[in-house]
PDB file of N, CA and C in Angstrom:
ATOM      1  N   MET A   1    -179.894  21.759  42.289  1.00  0.00           N
ATOM      2  CA  MET A   1    -178.598  22.474  42.218  1.00  0.00           C
ATOM      3  C   MET A   1    -178.168  22.712  40.742  1.00  0.00           C
ATOM      4  N   LYS A   2    -177.873  23.848  40.394  1.00  0.00           N
ATOM      5  CA  LYS A   2    -177.439  24.161  39.016  1.00  0.00           C
ATOM      6  C   LYS A   2    -175.914  23.853  38.912  1.00  0.00           C
ATOM      7  N   ILE A   3    -175.563  23.185  37.871  1.00  0.00           N
ATOM      8  CA  ILE A   3    -174.199  22.909  37.556  1.00  0.00           C
ATOM      9  C   ILE A   3    -173.581  24.051  36.791  1.00  0.00           C
ATOM     10  N   GLU A   4    -172.658  24.802  37.396  1.00  0.00           N
ATOM     11  CA  GLU A   4    -172.097  25.942  36.733  1.00  0.00           C
ATOM     12  C   GLU A   4    -170.705  25.674  36.195  1.00  0.00           C
ATOM     13  N   LYS A   5    -170.044  24.640  36.724  1.00  0.00           N
ATOM     14  CA  LYS A   5    -168.715  24.295  36.226  1.00  0.00           C
ATOM     15  C   LYS A   5    -168.517  22.815  36.340  1.00  0.00           C
ATOM     16  N   PHE A   6    -167.650  22.199  35.561  1.00  0.00           N
ATOM     17  CA  PHE A   6    -167.530  20.786  35.591  1.00  0.00           C
ATOM     18  C   PHE A   6    -167.145  20.233  36.930  1.00  0.00           C
ATOM     19  N   GLU A   7    -166.493  21.086  37.771  1.00  0.00           N
ATOM     20  CA  GLU A   7    -166.112  20.644  39.099  1.00  0.00           C
ATOM     21  C   GLU A   7    -167.278  20.410  40.034  1.00  0.00           C
ATOM     22  N   ASP A   8    -168.473  20.910  39.615  1.00  0.00           N
ATOM     23  CA  ASP A   8    -169.704  20.656  40.374  1.00  0.00           C
ATOM     24  C   ASP A   8    -170.368  19.314  40.150  1.00  0.00           C
ATOM     25  N   ILE A   9    -169.894  18.640  39.100  1.00  0.00           N
ATOM     26  CA  ILE A   9    -170.476  17.412  38.665  1.00  0.00           C
ATOM     27  C   ILE A   9    -170.026  16.232  39.519  1.00  0.00           C
ATOM     28  N   ILE A  10    -170.981  15.583  40.142  1.00  0.00           N
ATOM     29  CA  ILE A  10    -170.679  14.484  41.093  1.00  0.00           C
ATOM     30  C   ILE A  10    -169.836  13.335  40.456  1.00  0.00           C
ATOM     31  N   SER A  11    -170.220  13.023  39.258  1.00  0.00           N
ATOM     32  CA  SER A  11    -169.508  11.901  38.526  1.00  0.00           C
ATOM     33  C   SER A  11    -167.990  12.353  38.283  1.00  0.00           C
ATOM     34  N   TRP A  12    -167.780  13.648  37.997  1.00  0.00           N
ATOM     35  CA  TRP A  12    -166.400  14.113  37.799  1.00  0.00           C
ATOM     36  C   TRP A  12    -165.648  13.988  39.102  1.00  0.00           C
ATOM     37  N   LYS A  13    -166.256  14.401  40.263  1.00  0.00           N
ATOM     38  CA  LYS A  13    -165.620  14.331  41.582  1.00  0.00           C
ATOM     39  C   LYS A  13    -165.226  12.878  41.903  1.00  0.00           C
ATOM     40  N   LYS A  14    -166.142  11.990  41.647  1.00  0.00           N
ATOM     41  CA  LYS A  14    -165.836  10.575  41.905  1.00  0.00           C
ATOM     42  C   LYS A  14    -164.851  10.029  40.991  1.00  0.00           C
ATOM     43  N   ALA A  15    -164.861  10.433  39.676  1.00  0.00           N
ATOM     44  CA  ALA A  15    -163.854   9.987  38.755  1.00  0.00           C
ATOM     45  C   ALA A  15    -162.479  10.474  39.167  1.00  0.00           C
ATOM     46  N   LYS A  16    -162.378  11.682  39.663  1.00  0.00           N
ATOM     47  CA  LYS A  16    -161.175  12.197  40.199  1.00  0.00           C
ATOM     48  C   LYS A  16    -160.630  11.326  41.398  1.00  0.00           C
ATOM     49  N   THR A  17    -161.529  10.994  42.294  1.00  0.00           N
ATOM     50  CA  THR A  17    -161.127  10.139  43.375  1.00  0.00           C
ATOM     51  C   THR A  17    -160.685   8.777  42.881  1.00  0.00           C
ATOM     52  N   LEU A  18    -161.379   8.190  41.936  1.00  0.00           N
ATOM     53  CA  LEU A  18    -161.001   6.919  41.358  1.00  0.00           C
ATOM     54  C   LEU A  18    -159.558   7.030  40.658  1.00  0.00           C
ATOM     55  N   THR A  19    -159.339   8.071  40.003  1.00  0.00           N
ATOM     56  CA  THR A  19    -158.050   8.305  39.309  1.00  0.00           C
ATOM     57  C   THR A  19    -156.933   8.354  40.309  1.00  0.00           C
ATOM     58  N   ILE A  20    -157.100   9.186  41.348  1.00  0.00           N
ATOM     59  CA  ILE A  20    -156.097   9.322  42.365  1.00  0.00           C
ATOM     60  C   ILE A  20    -155.815   7.970  43.048  1.00  0.00           C
ATOM     61  N   ASP A  21    -156.871   7.215  43.348  1.00  0.00           N
ATOM     62  CA  ASP A  21    -156.716   5.928  43.997  1.00  0.00           C
ATOM     63  C   ASP A  21    -156.001   4.946  43.128  1.00  0.00           C
ATOM     64  N   ILE A  22    -156.287   4.988  41.783  1.00  0.00           N
ATOM     65  CA  ILE A  22    -155.632   4.051  40.871  1.00  0.00           C
ATOM     66  C   ILE A  22    -154.107   4.431  40.800  1.00  0.00           C
ATOM     67  N   TYR A  23    -153.834   5.751  40.671  1.00  0.00           N
ATOM     68  CA  TYR A  23    -152.405   6.212  40.613  1.00  0.00           C
ATOM     69  C   TYR A  23    -151.670   5.678  41.860  1.00  0.00           C
ATOM     70  N   LYS A  24    -152.262   5.874  43.064  1.00  0.00           N
ATOM     71  CA  LYS A  24    -151.593   5.433  44.329  1.00  0.00           C
ATOM     72  C   LYS A  24    -151.479   3.934  44.426  1.00  0.00           C
ATOM     73  N   THR A  25    -152.497   3.230  43.934  1.00  0.00           N
ATOM     74  CA  THR A  25    -152.487   1.766  43.966  1.00  0.00           C
ATOM     75  C   THR A  25    -151.351   1.164  43.137  1.00  0.00           C
ATOM     76  N   PHE A  26    -151.070   1.727  41.968  1.00  0.00           N
ATOM     77  CA  PHE A  26    -150.120   1.152  41.065  1.00  0.00           C
ATOM     78  C   PHE A  26    -148.799   1.993  40.973  1.00  0.00           C
ATOM     79  N   GLU A  27    -148.579   2.891  41.943  1.00  0.00           N
ATOM     80  CA  GLU A  27    -147.393   3.751  41.790  1.00  0.00           C
ATOM     81  C   GLU A  27    -146.073   2.993  41.854  1.00  0.00           C
ATOM     82  N   ASP A  28    -146.068   1.865  42.553  1.00  0.00           N
ATOM     83  CA  ASP A  28    -144.863   1.054  42.643  1.00  0.00           C
ATOM     84  C   ASP A  28    -144.822  -0.107  41.621  1.00  0.00           C
ATOM     85  N   SER A  29    -145.802  -0.154  40.766  1.00  0.00           N
ATOM     86  CA  SER A  29    -145.927  -1.288  39.812  1.00  0.00           C
ATOM     87  C   SER A  29    -144.739  -1.194  38.741  1.00  0.00           C
ATOM     88  N   LYS A  30    -144.167  -2.346  38.499  1.00  0.00           N
ATOM     89  CA  LYS A  30    -143.096  -2.434  37.463  1.00  0.00           C
ATOM     90  C   LYS A  30    -143.670  -2.825  36.103  1.00  0.00           C
ATOM     91  N   ASP A  31    -144.924  -3.153  36.070  1.00  0.00           N
ATOM     92  CA  ASP A  31    -145.599  -3.501  34.768  1.00  0.00           C
ATOM     93  C   ASP A  31    -146.064  -2.162  34.213  1.00  0.00           C
ATOM     94  N   PHE A  32    -145.186  -1.486  33.505  1.00  0.00           N
ATOM     95  CA  PHE A  32    -145.475  -0.124  33.019  1.00  0.00           C
ATOM     96  C   PHE A  32    -146.616  -0.071  31.967  1.00  0.00           C
ATOM     97  N   GLY A  33    -146.669  -1.178  31.185  1.00  0.00           N
ATOM     98  CA  GLY A  33    -147.817  -1.243  30.177  1.00  0.00           C
ATOM     99  C   GLY A  33    -149.153  -1.274  30.838  1.00  0.00           C
ATOM    100  N   TYR A  34    -149.307  -2.166  31.830  1.00  0.00           N
ATOM    101  CA  TYR A  34    -150.571  -2.259  32.572  1.00  0.00           C
ATOM    102  C   TYR A  34    -150.835  -0.949  33.341  1.00  0.00           C
ATOM    103  N   LYS A  35    -149.834  -0.515  34.039  1.00  0.00           N
ATOM    104  CA  LYS A  35    -149.979   0.749  34.854  1.00  0.00           C
ATOM    105  C   LYS A  35    -150.407   1.870  34.042  1.00  0.00           C
ATOM    106  N   ASN A  36    -149.732   2.103  32.909  1.00  0.00           N
ATOM    107  CA  ASN A  36    -150.092   3.220  31.963  1.00  0.00           C
ATOM    108  C   ASN A  36    -151.490   3.094  31.487  1.00  0.00           C
ATOM    109  N   GLN A  37    -151.896   1.900  31.057  1.00  0.00           N
ATOM    110  CA  GLN A  37    -153.206   1.754  30.454  1.00  0.00           C
ATOM    111  C   GLN A  37    -154.338   2.030  31.480  1.00  0.00           C
ATOM    112  N   ILE A  38    -154.231   1.484  32.696  1.00  0.00           N
ATOM    113  CA  ILE A  38    -155.321   1.734  33.695  1.00  0.00           C
ATOM    114  C   ILE A  38    -155.319   3.201  34.116  1.00  0.00           C
ATOM    115  N   GLU A  39    -154.141   3.773  34.205  1.00  0.00           N
ATOM    116  CA  GLU A  39    -154.127   5.216  34.617  1.00  0.00           C
ATOM    117  C   GLU A  39    -154.698   6.081  33.509  1.00  0.00           C
ATOM    118  N   ARG A  40    -154.381   5.813  32.281  1.00  0.00           N
ATOM    119  CA  ARG A  40    -154.891   6.614  31.220  1.00  0.00           C
ATOM    120  C   ARG A  40    -156.418   6.464  31.080  1.00  0.00           C
ATOM    121  N   ALA A  41    -156.933   5.228  31.216  1.00  0.00           N
ATOM    122  CA  ALA A  41    -158.350   4.997  31.194  1.00  0.00           C
ATOM    123  C   ALA A  41    -159.123   5.770  32.240  1.00  0.00           C
ATOM    124  N   SER A  42    -158.507   5.775  33.491  1.00  0.00           N
ATOM    125  CA  SER A  42    -159.148   6.450  34.589  1.00  0.00           C
ATOM    126  C   SER A  42    -159.133   8.011  34.362  1.00  0.00           C
ATOM    127  N   VAL A  43    -158.016   8.544  33.872  1.00  0.00           N
ATOM    128  CA  VAL A  43    -157.934   9.930  33.556  1.00  0.00           C
ATOM    129  C   VAL A  43    -158.990  10.334  32.475  1.00  0.00           C
ATOM    130  N   SER A  44    -159.122   9.426  31.570  1.00  0.00           N
ATOM    131  CA  SER A  44    -160.065   9.643  30.433  1.00  0.00           C
ATOM    132  C   SER A  44    -161.473   9.909  30.934  1.00  0.00           C
ATOM    133  N   ILE A  45    -161.881   9.210  32.009  1.00  0.00           N
ATOM    134  CA  ILE A  45    -163.230   9.374  32.505  1.00  0.00           C
ATOM    135  C   ILE A  45    -163.404  10.829  33.030  1.00  0.00           C
ATOM    136  N   MET A  46    -162.593  11.280  33.837  1.00  0.00           N
ATOM    137  CA  MET A  46    -162.728  12.648  34.403  1.00  0.00           C
ATOM    138  C   MET A  46    -162.489  13.719  33.305  1.00  0.00           C
ATOM    139  N   ASN A  47    -161.554  13.509  32.399  1.00  0.00           N
ATOM    140  CA  ASN A  47    -161.279  14.546  31.410  1.00  0.00           C
ATOM    141  C   ASN A  47    -162.347  14.637  30.366  1.00  0.00           C
ATOM    142  N   ASN A  48    -163.008  13.539  30.038  1.00  0.00           N
ATOM    143  CA  ASN A  48    -164.117  13.560  29.049  1.00  0.00           C
ATOM    144  C   ASN A  48    -165.316  14.267  29.653  1.00  0.00           C
ATOM    145  N   ILE A  49    -165.576  14.062  30.923  1.00  0.00           N
ATOM    146  CA  ILE A  49    -166.647  14.726  31.579  1.00  0.00           C
ATOM    147  C   ILE A  49    -166.411  16.228  31.575  1.00  0.00           C
ATOM    148  N   ALA A  50    -165.182  16.659  31.895  1.00  0.00           N
ATOM    149  CA  ALA A  50    -164.776  18.071  31.881  1.00  0.00           C
ATOM    150  C   ALA A  50    -164.861  18.644  30.496  1.00  0.00           C
ATOM    151  N   GLU A  51    -164.244  17.999  29.511  1.00  0.00           N
ATOM    152  CA  GLU A  51    -164.213  18.495  28.215  1.00  0.00           C
ATOM    153  C   GLU A  51    -165.607  18.643  27.577  1.00  0.00           C
ATOM    154  N   GLY A  52    -166.446  17.611  27.746  1.00  0.00           N
ATOM    155  CA  GLY A  52    -167.757  17.662  27.230  1.00  0.00           C
ATOM    156  C   GLY A  52    -168.579  18.778  27.856  1.00  0.00           C
ATOM    157  N   PHE A  53    -168.429  19.007  29.171  1.00  0.00           N
ATOM    158  CA  PHE A  53    -169.152  20.082  29.812  1.00  0.00           C
ATOM    159  C   PHE A  53    -168.737  21.471  29.269  1.00  0.00           C
ATOM    160  N   GLU A  54    -167.506  21.633  29.090  1.00  0.00           N
ATOM    161  CA  GLU A  54    -166.970  22.900  28.591  1.00  0.00           C
ATOM    162  C   GLU A  54    -167.350  23.200  27.131  1.00  0.00           C
ATOM    163  N   ARG A  55    -167.747  22.200  26.412  1.00  0.00           N
ATOM    164  CA  ARG A  55    -168.258  22.435  25.021  1.00  0.00           C
ATOM    165  C   ARG A  55    -169.546  23.239  24.980  1.00  0.00           C
ATOM    166  N   ARG A  56    -170.266  23.296  26.111  1.00  0.00           N
ATOM    167  CA  ARG A  56    -171.486  24.078  26.179  1.00  0.00           C
ATOM    168  C   ARG A  56    -172.609  23.705  25.205  1.00  0.00           C
ATOM    169  N   SER A  57    -172.609  22.454  24.850  1.00  0.00           N
ATOM    170  CA  SER A  57    -173.670  21.916  23.957  1.00  0.00           C
ATOM    171  C   SER A  57    -174.094  20.589  24.530  1.00  0.00           C
ATOM    172  N   ASN A  58    -175.394  20.424  24.774  1.00  0.00           N
ATOM    173  CA  ASN A  58    -175.856  19.185  25.310  1.00  0.00           C
ATOM    174  C   ASN A  58    -175.544  17.978  24.470  1.00  0.00           C
ATOM    175  N   LYS A  59    -175.594  18.154  23.149  1.00  0.00           N
ATOM    176  CA  LYS A  59    -175.340  17.074  22.206  1.00  0.00           C
ATOM    177  C   LYS A  59    -173.875  16.640  22.351  1.00  0.00           C
ATOM    178  N   GLU A  60    -172.943  17.611  22.319  1.00  0.00           N
ATOM    179  CA  GLU A  60    -171.529  17.263  22.452  1.00  0.00           C
ATOM    180  C   GLU A  60    -171.263  16.739  23.856  1.00  0.00           C
ATOM    181  N   PHE A  61    -171.840  17.316  24.943  1.00  0.00           N
ATOM    182  CA  PHE A  61    -171.626  16.892  26.239  1.00  0.00           C
ATOM    183  C   PHE A  61    -171.994  15.382  26.380  1.00  0.00           C
ATOM    184  N   LYS A  62    -173.158  15.052  25.822  1.00  0.00           N
ATOM    185  CA  LYS A  62    -173.642  13.694  25.844  1.00  0.00           C
ATOM    186  C   LYS A  62    -172.636  12.727  25.192  1.00  0.00           C
ATOM    187  N   GLN A  63    -172.137  13.165  24.032  1.00  0.00           N
ATOM    188  CA  GLN A  63    -171.142  12.332  23.333  1.00  0.00           C
ATOM    189  C   GLN A  63    -169.925  12.084  24.178  1.00  0.00           C
ATOM    190  N   PHE A  64    -169.400  13.107  24.902  1.00  0.00           N
ATOM    191  CA  PHE A  64    -168.204  12.973  25.717  1.00  0.00           C
ATOM    192  C   PHE A  64    -168.573  12.061  26.959  1.00  0.00           C
ATOM    193  N   LEU A  65    -169.822  12.186  27.463  1.00  0.00           N
ATOM    194  CA  LEU A  65    -170.249  11.354  28.577  1.00  0.00           C
ATOM    195  C   LEU A  65    -170.255   9.852  28.221  1.00  0.00           C
ATOM    196  N   PHE A  66    -170.637   9.553  26.939  1.00  0.00           N
ATOM    197  CA  PHE A  66    -170.616   8.215  26.496  1.00  0.00           C
ATOM    198  C   PHE A  66    -169.138   7.668  26.378  1.00  0.00           C
ATOM    199  N   ILE A  67    -168.222   8.536  25.979  1.00  0.00           N
ATOM    200  CA  ILE A  67    -166.809   8.196  25.933  1.00  0.00           C
ATOM    201  C   ILE A  67    -166.289   7.936  27.349  1.00  0.00           C
ATOM    202  N   ALA A  68    -166.695   8.826  28.270  1.00  0.00           N
ATOM    203  CA  ALA A  68    -166.331   8.618  29.715  1.00  0.00           C
ATOM    204  C   ALA A  68    -166.829   7.249  30.212  1.00  0.00           C
ATOM    205  N   LYS A  69    -168.084   6.957  29.834  1.00  0.00           N
ATOM    206  CA  LYS A  69    -168.656   5.694  30.270  1.00  0.00           C
ATOM    207  C   LYS A  69    -167.900   4.497  29.701  1.00  0.00           C
ATOM    208  N   GLY A  70    -167.420   4.633  28.518  1.00  0.00           N
ATOM    209  CA  GLY A  70    -166.602   3.559  27.870  1.00  0.00           C
ATOM    210  C   GLY A  70    -165.336   3.396  28.586  1.00  0.00           C
ATOM    211  N   SER A  71    -164.681   4.534  28.946  1.00  0.00           N
ATOM    212  CA  SER A  71    -163.488   4.468  29.680  1.00  0.00           C
ATOM    213  C   SER A  71    -163.622   3.834  31.097  1.00  0.00           C
ATOM    214  N   CYS A  72    -164.845   4.041  31.664  1.00  0.00           N
ATOM    215  CA  CYS A  72    -165.198   3.410  32.956  1.00  0.00           C
ATOM    216  C   CYS A  72    -165.201   1.893  32.775  1.00  0.00           C
ATOM    217  N   GLY A  73    -165.745   1.427  31.702  1.00  0.00           N
ATOM    218  CA  GLY A  73    -165.757  -0.014  31.417  1.00  0.00           C
ATOM    219  C   GLY A  73    -164.350  -0.511  31.184  1.00  0.00           C
ATOM    220  N   GLU A  74    -163.494   0.252  30.541  1.00  0.00           N
ATOM    221  CA  GLU A  74    -162.083  -0.142  30.324  1.00  0.00           C
ATOM    222  C   GLU A  74    -161.371  -0.257  31.708  1.00  0.00           C
ATOM    223  N   VAL A  75    -161.618   0.649  32.595  1.00  0.00           N
ATOM    224  CA  VAL A  75    -160.988   0.597  33.956  1.00  0.00           C
ATOM    225  C   VAL A  75    -161.456  -0.690  34.633  1.00  0.00           C
ATOM    226  N   ARG A  76    -162.734  -1.024  34.577  1.00  0.00           N
ATOM    227  CA  ARG A  76    -163.223  -2.254  35.206  1.00  0.00           C
ATOM    228  C   ARG A  76    -162.589  -3.533  34.568  1.00  0.00           C
ATOM    229  N   SER A  77    -162.421  -3.490  33.239  1.00  0.00           N
ATOM    230  CA  SER A  77    -161.803  -4.619  32.578  1.00  0.00           C
ATOM    231  C   SER A  77    -160.374  -4.763  32.990  1.00  0.00           C
ATOM    232  N   MET A  78    -159.678  -3.587  33.182  1.00  0.00           N
ATOM    233  CA  MET A  78    -158.275  -3.626  33.628  1.00  0.00           C
ATOM    234  C   MET A  78    -158.163  -4.096  35.081  1.00  0.00           C
ATOM    235  N   LEU A  79    -159.169  -3.765  35.892  1.00  0.00           N
ATOM    236  CA  LEU A  79    -159.234  -4.206  37.317  1.00  0.00           C
ATOM    237  C   LEU A  79    -159.317  -5.722  37.391  1.00  0.00           C
ATOM    238  N   TYR A  80    -160.159  -6.357  36.484  1.00  0.00           N
ATOM    239  CA  TYR A  80    -160.256  -7.797  36.481  1.00  0.00           C
ATOM    240  C   TYR A  80    -158.903  -8.382  36.192  1.00  0.00           C
ATOM    241  N   LEU A  81    -158.275  -7.862  35.209  1.00  0.00           N
ATOM    242  CA  LEU A  81    -156.932  -8.331  34.812  1.00  0.00           C
ATOM    243  C   LEU A  81    -155.950  -8.170  35.965  1.00  0.00           C
ATOM    244  N   GLY A  82    -155.956  -7.026  36.625  1.00  0.00           N
ATOM    245  CA  GLY A  82    -155.105  -6.767  37.734  1.00  0.00           C
ATOM    246  C   GLY A  82    -155.332  -7.810  38.905  1.00  0.00           C
ATOM    247  N   LYS A  83    -156.578  -8.104  39.126  1.00  0.00           N
ATOM    248  CA  LYS A  83    -156.934  -9.039  40.229  1.00  0.00           C
ATOM    249  C   LYS A  83    -156.481 -10.439  39.824  1.00  0.00           C
ATOM    250  N   ASP A  84    -156.756 -10.815  38.614  1.00  0.00           N
ATOM    251  CA  ASP A  84    -156.365 -12.176  38.136  1.00  0.00           C
ATOM    252  C   ASP A  84    -154.854 -12.410  38.091  1.00  0.00           C
ATOM    253  N   LEU A  85    -154.211 -11.312  37.842  1.00  0.00           N
ATOM    254  CA  LEU A  85    -152.677 -11.414  37.833  1.00  0.00           C
ATOM    255  C   LEU A  85    -151.989 -11.014  39.125  1.00  0.00           C
ATOM    256  N   ASN A  86    -152.871 -10.912  40.172  1.00  0.00           N
ATOM    257  CA  ASN A  86    -152.378 -10.628  41.504  1.00  0.00           C
ATOM    258  C   ASN A  86    -151.639  -9.257  41.653  1.00  0.00           C
ATOM    259  N   LYS A  87    -152.033  -8.302  40.883  1.00  0.00           N
ATOM    260  CA  LYS A  87    -151.514  -6.940  40.952  1.00  0.00           C
ATOM    261  C   LYS A  87    -152.196  -6.160  42.015  1.00  0.00           C
ATOM    262  N   ILE A  88    -153.458  -6.544  42.295  1.00  0.00           N
ATOM    263  CA  ILE A  88    -154.193  -5.885  43.401  1.00  0.00           C
ATOM    264  C   ILE A  88    -154.935  -6.926  44.241  1.00  0.00           C
ATOM    265  N   SER A  89    -155.191  -6.548  45.501  1.00  0.00           N
ATOM    266  CA  SER A  89    -155.900  -7.474  46.371  1.00  0.00           C
ATOM    267  C   SER A  89    -157.372  -7.569  46.046  1.00  0.00           C
ATOM    268  N   GLU A  90    -158.042  -8.560  46.502  1.00  0.00           N
ATOM    269  CA  GLU A  90    -159.492  -8.754  46.284  1.00  0.00           C
ATOM    270  C   GLU A  90    -160.226  -7.502  46.870  1.00  0.00           C
ATOM    271  N   GLU A  91    -159.780  -7.108  48.084  1.00  0.00           N
ATOM    272  CA  GLU A  91    -160.406  -5.937  48.716  1.00  0.00           C
ATOM    273  C   GLU A  91    -160.260  -4.629  47.921  1.00  0.00           C
ATOM    274  N   LYS A  92    -159.082  -4.372  47.392  1.00  0.00           N
ATOM    275  CA  LYS A  92    -158.810  -3.217  46.590  1.00  0.00           C
ATOM    276  C   LYS A  92    -159.577  -3.285  45.287  1.00  0.00           C
ATOM    277  N   PHE A  93    -159.650  -4.477  44.693  1.00  0.00           N
ATOM    278  CA  PHE A  93    -160.414  -4.688  43.476  1.00  0.00           C
ATOM    279  C   PHE A  93    -161.872  -4.231  43.688  1.00  0.00           C
ATOM    280  N   HIS A  94    -162.492  -4.720  44.785  1.00  0.00           N
ATOM    281  CA  HIS A  94    -163.890  -4.462  44.997  1.00  0.00           C
ATOM    282  C   HIS A  94    -164.092  -2.913  45.298  1.00  0.00           C
ATOM    283  N   LYS A  95    -163.188  -2.311  45.967  1.00  0.00           N
ATOM    284  CA  LYS A  95    -163.345  -0.881  46.269  1.00  0.00           C
ATOM    285  C   LYS A  95    -163.308  -0.094  44.910  1.00  0.00           C
ATOM    286  N   LEU A  96    -162.321  -0.327  44.148  1.00  0.00           N
ATOM    287  CA  LEU A  96    -162.205   0.363  42.857  1.00  0.00           C
ATOM    288  C   LEU A  96    -163.327  -0.002  41.897  1.00  0.00           C
ATOM    289  N   TYR A  97    -163.620  -1.272  41.827  1.00  0.00           N
ATOM    290  CA  TYR A  97    -164.697  -1.769  40.913  1.00  0.00           C
ATOM    291  C   TYR A  97    -166.018  -1.095  41.298  1.00  0.00           C
ATOM    292  N   ASN A  98    -166.409  -1.078  42.606  1.00  0.00           N
ATOM    293  CA  ASN A  98    -167.673  -0.493  43.033  1.00  0.00           C
ATOM    294  C   ASN A  98    -167.723   0.966  42.739  1.00  0.00           C
ATOM    295  N   LEU A  99    -166.613   1.684  42.920  1.00  0.00           N
ATOM    296  CA  LEU A  99    -166.567   3.104  42.611  1.00  0.00           C
ATOM    297  C   LEU A  99    -166.776   3.331  41.065  1.00  0.00           C
ATOM    298  N   SER A 100    -166.148   2.455  40.278  1.00  0.00           N
ATOM    299  CA  SER A 100    -166.297   2.657  38.839  1.00  0.00           C
ATOM    300  C   SER A 100    -167.758   2.358  38.409  1.00  0.00           C
ATOM    301  N   ILE A 101    -168.378   1.367  39.043  1.00  0.00           N
ATOM    302  CA  ILE A 101    -169.856   1.086  38.781  1.00  0.00           C
ATOM    303  C   ILE A 101    -170.724   2.289  39.137  1.00  0.00           C
ATOM    304  N   GLU A 102    -170.380   2.878  40.266  1.00  0.00           N
ATOM    305  CA  GLU A 102    -171.123   4.046  40.764  1.00  0.00           C
ATOM    306  C   GLU A 102    -171.012   5.208  39.775  1.00  0.00           C
ATOM    307  N   ILE A 103    -169.776   5.438  39.277  1.00  0.00           N
ATOM    308  CA  ILE A 103    -169.519   6.485  38.329  1.00  0.00           C
ATOM    309  C   ILE A 103    -170.342   6.198  37.015  1.00  0.00           C
ATOM    310  N   SER A 104    -170.305   4.988  36.554  1.00  0.00           N
ATOM    311  CA  SER A 104    -171.008   4.572  35.363  1.00  0.00           C
ATOM    312  C   SER A 104    -172.528   4.837  35.456  1.00  0.00           C
ATOM    313  N   LYS A 105    -173.060   4.551  36.653  1.00  0.00           N
ATOM    314  CA  LYS A 105    -174.508   4.755  36.876  1.00  0.00           C
ATOM    315  C   LYS A 105    -174.761   6.244  36.861  1.00  0.00           C
ATOM    316  N   LEU A 106    -173.973   7.043  37.486  1.00  0.00           N
ATOM    317  CA  LEU A 106    -174.111   8.494  37.519  1.00  0.00           C
ATOM    318  C   LEU A 106    -174.062   9.069  36.102  1.00  0.00           C
ATOM    319  N   LEU A 107    -173.154   8.515  35.307  1.00  0.00           N
ATOM    320  CA  LEU A 107    -172.980   9.014  33.957  1.00  0.00           C
ATOM    321  C   LEU A 107    -174.292   8.664  33.129  1.00  0.00           C
ATOM    322  N   SER A 108    -174.829   7.463  33.340  1.00  0.00           N
ATOM    323  CA  SER A 108    -175.996   7.051  32.700  1.00  0.00           C
ATOM    324  C   SER A 108    -177.199   7.996  32.999  1.00  0.00           C
ATOM    325  N   GLY A 109    -177.286   8.377  34.319  1.00  0.00           N
ATOM    326  CA  GLY A 109    -178.323   9.262  34.741  1.00  0.00           C
ATOM    327  C   GLY A 109    -178.173  10.651  34.139  1.00  0.00           C
ATOM    328  N   LEU A 110    -176.926  11.119  34.100  1.00  0.00           N
ATOM    329  CA  LEU A 110    -176.658  12.419  33.480  1.00  0.00           C
ATOM    330  C   LEU A 110    -177.002  12.440  31.979  1.00  0.00           C
ATOM    331  N   ILE A 111    -176.618  11.387  31.306  1.00  0.00           N
ATOM    332  CA  ILE A 111    -176.893  11.247  29.853  1.00  0.00           C
ATOM    333  C   ILE A 111    -178.449  11.275  29.636  1.00  0.00           C
ATOM    334  N   LYS A 112    -179.185  10.620  30.518  1.00  0.00           N
ATOM    335  CA  LYS A 112    -180.654  10.593  30.399  1.00  0.00           C
ATOM    336  C   LYS A 112    -181.281  11.966  30.568  1.00  0.00           C
ATOM    337  N   THR A 113    -180.663  12.733  31.537  1.00  0.00           N
ATOM    338  CA  THR A 113    -181.255  14.074  31.793  1.00  0.00           C
ATOM    339  C   THR A 113    -180.959  15.050  30.665  1.00  0.00           C
ATOM    340  N   LEU A 114    -179.936  14.760  29.868  1.00  0.00           N
ATOM    341  CA  LEU A 114    -179.645  15.631  28.716  1.00  0.00           C
ATOM    342  C   LEU A 114    -180.531  15.285  27.535  1.00  0.00           C
TER     343      LEU A 114
END
């Protein structure tokens, strides 16, 4: 399948799902610093995939994918903090954590193909 627009990229679709889930999970959180940081990190994943793709250069796309991958790590780090501070349940942690790992692996595969 040829990717014609960033919306066709599986890792972008999954990053969007992750972002929406994070926003919904923390929408009632009173810890605005934590909430803002994890939301921004998740948005960064999907936006860097989109921005890199729109640059129309494999070299630049790859660079943005590495940034997206870094943001994926940041989300996982924040999820550990959220779990340890009882901001999210063990079950929710695993759901979001596993999705972020899946996105990270997809990004690695995409980087290798470029």
